Amino acid sequence: MALDSRLLELLVCPVSKASLTYRQEVDELWCRASGLAYPVRDGIPVMLENDARELTAEERASLKE
């Protein structure tokens, strides 16, 4: 399930306040600034730092492209 583009424009990382990139293949919102990935469960972004995971070095590098 894809996220609504209008919702994605409004959401920011709660840690860095930076914009997010939706990665549909893993159903997560990634933040380059904080290096965190927020899960999307049943189409609902879970924007809690405690539920986020750290991006790997490879994942972070893919955001710079």
N, C-alpha and C. Protein backbone atom coordinates (compact mmCIF):
# COMPACT_ATOMS: atom_id res chain seq x y z
N MET A 1 0.85 -1.18 0.00
CA MET A 1 0.00 0.00 0.00
C MET A 1 0.89 1.24 0.00
N ALA A 2 0.71 2.11 -0.95
CA ALA A 2 1.50 3.33 -1.05
C ALA A 2 0.92 4.41 -0.13
N LEU A 3 1.81 5.23 0.39
CA LEU A 3 1.37 6.34 1.23
C LEU A 3 0.85 7.48 0.35
N ASP A 4 -0.10 8.20 0.87
CA ASP A 4 -0.63 9.38 0.18
C ASP A 4 0.49 10.41 0.07
N SER A 5 0.71 10.93 -1.13
CA SER A 5 1.80 11.89 -1.35
C SER A 5 1.61 13.17 -0.53
N ARG A 6 0.37 13.55 -0.28
CA ARG A 6 0.12 14.75 0.54
C ARG A 6 0.54 14.52 1.98
N LEU A 7 0.31 13.31 2.48
CA LEU A 7 0.73 12.98 3.85
C LEU A 7 2.24 12.98 3.93
N LEU A 8 2.89 12.41 2.95
CA LEU A 8 4.34 12.35 2.94
C LEU A 8 4.97 13.74 2.93
N GLU A 9 4.34 14.68 2.26
CA GLU A 9 4.84 16.06 2.23
C GLU A 9 4.78 16.71 3.61
N LEU A 10 3.81 16.31 4.43
CA LEU A 10 3.63 16.91 5.75
C LEU A 10 4.49 16.27 6.84
N LEU A 11 4.78 15.00 6.68
CA LEU A 11 5.53 14.29 7.72
C LEU A 11 7.00 14.69 7.73
N VAL A 12 7.55 14.81 8.93
CA VAL A 12 8.98 15.04 9.10
C VAL A 12 9.49 14.12 10.20
N CYS A 13 10.77 13.91 10.23
CA CYS A 13 11.38 13.09 11.27
C CYS A 13 11.20 13.78 12.61
N PRO A 14 10.68 13.09 13.63
CA PRO A 14 10.48 13.72 14.93
C PRO A 14 11.80 14.05 15.64
N VAL A 15 12.90 13.45 15.22
CA VAL A 15 14.19 13.70 15.84
C VAL A 15 14.88 14.90 15.20
N SER A 16 15.01 14.88 13.86
CA SER A 16 15.77 15.92 13.16
C SER A 16 14.90 17.00 12.52
N LYS A 17 13.61 16.72 12.40
CA LYS A 17 12.66 17.62 11.72
C LYS A 17 12.93 17.71 10.22
N ALA A 18 13.69 16.76 9.68
CA ALA A 18 14.02 16.74 8.25
C ALA A 18 12.96 15.94 7.49
N SER A 19 12.96 16.10 6.18
CA SER A 19 12.00 15.38 5.35
C SER A 19 12.32 13.89 5.32
N LEU A 20 11.33 13.11 4.90
CA LEU A 20 11.44 11.66 4.89
C LEU A 20 11.29 11.12 3.48
N THR A 21 11.87 9.96 3.25
CA THR A 21 11.75 9.27 1.97
C THR A 21 11.02 7.96 2.22
N TYR A 22 9.94 7.74 1.48
CA TYR A 22 9.18 6.50 1.64
C TYR A 22 9.82 5.41 0.80
N ARG A 23 10.16 4.30 1.44
CA ARG A 23 10.72 3.12 0.77
C ARG A 23 9.65 2.04 0.78
N GLN A 24 8.92 1.96 -0.32
CA GLN A 24 7.78 1.06 -0.41
C GLN A 24 8.20 -0.40 -0.28
N GLU A 25 9.37 -0.76 -0.80
CA GLU A 25 9.80 -2.15 -0.77
C GLU A 25 9.97 -2.70 0.65
N VAL A 26 10.24 -1.83 1.61
CA VAL A 26 10.38 -2.27 3.01
C VAL A 26 9.30 -1.65 3.91
N ASP A 27 8.43 -0.84 3.32
CA ASP A 27 7.34 -0.17 4.04
C ASP A 27 7.87 0.63 5.23
N GLU A 28 8.81 1.53 4.93
CA GLU A 28 9.42 2.38 5.95
C GLU A 28 9.61 3.79 5.41
N LEU A 29 9.68 4.73 6.33
CA LEU A 29 10.04 6.11 6.03
C LEU A 29 11.46 6.33 6.53
N TRP A 30 12.35 6.74 5.63
CA TRP A 30 13.76 6.90 5.97
C TRP A 30 14.12 8.37 6.08
N CYS A 31 14.95 8.68 7.08
CA CYS A 31 15.45 10.04 7.27
C CYS A 31 16.97 10.04 7.12
N ARG A 32 17.44 10.79 6.15
CA ARG A 32 18.88 10.88 5.94
C ARG A 32 19.56 11.61 7.09
N ALA A 33 18.94 12.67 7.60
CA ALA A 33 19.56 13.49 8.64
C ALA A 33 19.78 12.74 9.95
N SER A 34 18.79 11.99 10.39
CA SER A 34 18.91 11.28 11.67
C SER A 34 19.41 9.85 11.49
N GLY A 35 19.30 9.32 10.27
CA GLY A 35 19.72 7.95 10.03
C GLY A 35 18.76 6.93 10.60
N LEU A 36 17.48 7.32 10.72
CA LEU A 36 16.48 6.42 11.27
C LEU A 36 15.45 6.02 10.22
N ALA A 37 14.89 4.83 10.42
CA ALA A 37 13.83 4.30 9.55
C ALA A 37 12.60 4.07 10.41
N TYR A 38 11.49 4.68 10.03
CA TYR A 38 10.23 4.56 10.76
C TYR A 38 9.32 3.58 10.03
N PRO A 39 8.75 2.62 10.74
CA PRO A 39 7.90 1.63 10.08
C PRO A 39 6.54 2.21 9.68
N VAL A 40 5.97 1.63 8.65
CA VAL A 40 4.60 1.94 8.24
C VAL A 40 3.82 0.64 8.43
N ARG A 41 2.86 0.67 9.35
CA ARG A 41 2.08 -0.53 9.67
C ARG A 41 0.63 -0.33 9.25
N ASP A 42 0.15 -1.21 8.40
CA ASP A 42 -1.22 -1.14 7.89
C ASP A 42 -1.52 0.23 7.29
N GLY A 43 -0.52 0.80 6.61
CA GLY A 43 -0.70 2.09 5.96
C GLY A 43 -0.56 3.29 6.87
N ILE A 44 -0.20 3.07 8.14
CA ILE A 44 -0.09 4.16 9.11
C ILE A 44 1.37 4.32 9.53
N PRO A 45 1.98 5.49 9.30
CA PRO A 45 3.35 5.71 9.73
C PRO A 45 3.44 5.73 11.26
N VAL A 46 4.40 5.00 11.79
CA VAL A 46 4.64 4.98 13.23
C VAL A 46 5.84 5.89 13.49
N MET A 47 5.55 7.11 13.91
CA MET A 47 6.58 8.13 14.03
C MET A 47 7.12 8.26 15.45
N LEU A 48 7.43 7.14 16.05
CA LEU A 48 7.98 7.11 17.39
C LEU A 48 9.45 6.71 17.34
N GLU A 49 10.30 7.50 17.99
CA GLU A 49 11.73 7.21 17.96
C GLU A 49 12.03 5.81 18.51
N ASN A 50 11.29 5.38 19.50
CA ASN A 50 11.52 4.06 20.10
C ASN A 50 11.20 2.92 19.14
N ASP A 51 10.33 3.15 18.17
CA ASP A 51 9.96 2.12 17.19
C ASP A 51 10.82 2.18 15.93
N ALA A 52 11.64 3.21 15.81
CA ALA A 52 12.50 3.37 14.64
C ALA A 52 13.73 2.48 14.78
N ARG A 53 14.32 2.19 13.62
CA ARG A 53 15.58 1.46 13.63
C ARG A 53 16.63 2.31 12.93
N GLU A 54 17.89 2.03 13.21
CA GLU A 54 18.97 2.76 12.56
C GLU A 54 19.19 2.21 11.15
N LEU A 55 19.38 3.12 10.22
CA LEU A 55 19.70 2.73 8.85
C LEU A 55 21.12 2.17 8.79
N THR A 56 21.33 1.20 7.93
CA THR A 56 22.68 0.68 7.71
C THR A 56 23.46 1.69 6.88
N ALA A 57 24.76 1.51 6.81
CA ALA A 57 25.60 2.40 6.00
C ALA A 57 25.18 2.35 4.53
N GLU A 58 24.83 1.17 4.04
CA GLU A 58 24.39 1.03 2.65
C GLU A 58 23.08 1.76 2.41
N GLU A 59 22.16 1.66 3.36
CA GLU A 59 20.87 2.35 3.22
C GLU A 59 21.06 3.86 3.23
N ARG A 60 21.91 4.34 4.11
CA ARG A 60 22.18 5.79 4.16
C ARG A 60 22.80 6.27 2.86
N ALA A 61 23.72 5.48 2.33
CA ALA A 61 24.39 5.85 1.08
C ALA A 61 23.38 5.90 -0.07
N SER A 62 22.39 5.03 -0.05
CA SER A 62 21.39 5.03 -1.13
C SER A 62 20.53 6.28 -1.10
N LEU A 63 20.40 6.92 0.03
CA LEU A 63 19.62 8.16 0.13
C LEU A 63 20.34 9.35 -0.48
N LYS A 64 21.65 9.27 -0.61
CA LYS A 64 22.43 10.39 -1.14
C LYS A 64 22.43 10.43 -2.66
N GLU A 65 21.91 9.38 -3.27
CA GLU A 65 21.90 9.31 -4.73
C GLU A 65 20.80 10.17 -5.31
